[in-house]
Amino acid sequence: MRSLAAGNKAMVEMVERFSFASIVLGMIIGFGGLFSAFVPGVGQLSIVIALIGLGMMGASLLSMAFFLGTATEGDSDY
């Protein structure tokens, strides 16, 4: 049972790292797209890129919250 808890903890840490990296990447893409929207001649493409990046960030936040909420349910170790 202890090895199962250790594996669960390792899975939670891996998901946290992946989600944080995805959130940071989404922020970079999203805000980069928003700032490039003010550059003349870029057009609508930058707004589409910004929406994709911010959507990726939001999806990562939701998936991380759901996974961590279900993975740590009933565990007081972490």
Protein backbone atom coordinates (compact mmCIF):
# COMPACT_ATOMS: atom_id res chain seq x y z
CA MET A 1 0.00 0.00 0.00
CA ARG A 2 2.88 2.32 0.74
CA SER A 3 4.34 1.82 -2.76
CA LEU A 4 0.95 2.72 -4.25
CA ALA A 5 0.94 5.98 -2.30
CA ALA A 6 4.51 6.70 -3.42
CA GLY A 7 3.54 6.08 -7.04
CA ASN A 8 0.50 8.31 -6.66
CA LYS A 9 2.68 11.06 -5.21
CA ALA A 10 5.15 10.72 -8.10
CA MET A 11 2.26 10.95 -10.58
CA VAL A 12 0.95 14.09 -8.86
CA GLU A 13 4.40 15.70 -9.01
CA MET A 14 4.73 14.84 -12.72
CA VAL A 15 1.31 16.30 -13.51
CA GLU A 16 2.15 19.44 -11.52
CA ARG A 17 5.38 19.95 -13.48
CA PHE A 18 3.70 19.36 -16.83
CA SER A 19 0.76 21.62 -15.97
CA PHE A 20 2.96 24.45 -14.73
CA ALA A 21 5.10 24.23 -17.88
CA SER A 22 1.97 24.24 -20.03
CA ILE A 23 0.54 27.21 -18.13
CA VAL A 24 3.76 29.20 -18.58
CA LEU A 25 3.89 28.30 -22.28
CA GLY A 26 0.24 29.32 -22.67
CA MET A 27 0.95 32.64 -20.97
CA ILE A 28 3.91 33.32 -23.26
CA ILE A 29 1.92 32.45 -26.40
CA GLY A 30 -1.22 34.25 -25.23
CA PHE A 31 0.32 37.48 -24.05
CA GLY A 32 2.80 37.51 -26.92
CA GLY A 33 -0.12 37.27 -29.31
CA LEU A 34 -1.97 40.03 -27.49
CA PHE A 35 1.00 42.36 -27.59
CA SER A 36 1.67 41.64 -31.26
CA ALA A 37 -1.93 42.60 -32.03
CA PHE A 38 -0.86 46.23 -31.63
CA VAL A 39 1.86 45.93 -34.28
CA PRO A 40 0.59 47.36 -37.57
CA GLY A 41 0.32 44.92 -40.44
CA VAL A 42 -0.02 41.76 -38.33
CA GLY A 43 -3.78 41.49 -38.62
CA GLN A 44 -6.17 39.01 -37.05
CA LEU A 45 -3.67 36.16 -36.80
CA SER A 46 -2.15 37.47 -33.58
CA ILE A 47 -5.55 37.53 -31.88
CA VAL A 48 -6.14 33.91 -32.92
CA ILE A 49 -2.71 32.96 -31.54
CA ALA A 50 -3.51 34.82 -28.31
CA LEU A 51 -6.80 32.97 -27.91
CA ILE A 52 -5.10 29.61 -28.51
CA GLY A 53 -2.43 30.38 -25.92
CA LEU A 54 -4.85 31.64 -23.30
CA GLY A 55 -7.15 28.68 -23.95
CA MET A 56 -4.24 26.31 -23.46
CA MET A 57 -3.41 28.03 -20.18
CA GLY A 58 -7.02 27.76 -18.99
CA ALA A 59 -7.30 24.11 -19.98
CA SER A 60 -4.09 23.32 -18.09
CA LEU A 61 -5.38 25.08 -15.00
CA LEU A 62 -8.66 23.18 -15.11
CA SER A 63 -7.06 19.80 -15.72
CA MET A 64 -4.50 20.35 -12.96
CA ALA A 65 -7.19 21.38 -10.50
CA PHE A 66 -9.36 18.38 -11.38
CA PHE A 67 -6.51 15.86 -11.30
CA LEU A 68 -5.02 17.12 -8.04
CA GLY A 69 -8.45 17.27 -6.47
CA THR A 70 -9.15 13.63 -7.27
CA ALA A 71 -5.63 12.26 -6.78
CA THR A 72 -5.14 13.64 -3.28
CA GLU A 73 -8.66 12.96 -2.04
CA GLY A 74 -8.48 11.30 1.36
CA ASP A 75 -4.67 11.48 1.57
CA SER A 76 -3.15 13.56 4.32
CA ASP A 77 0.47 12.92 3.29
CA TYR A 78 0.69 15.84 0.87
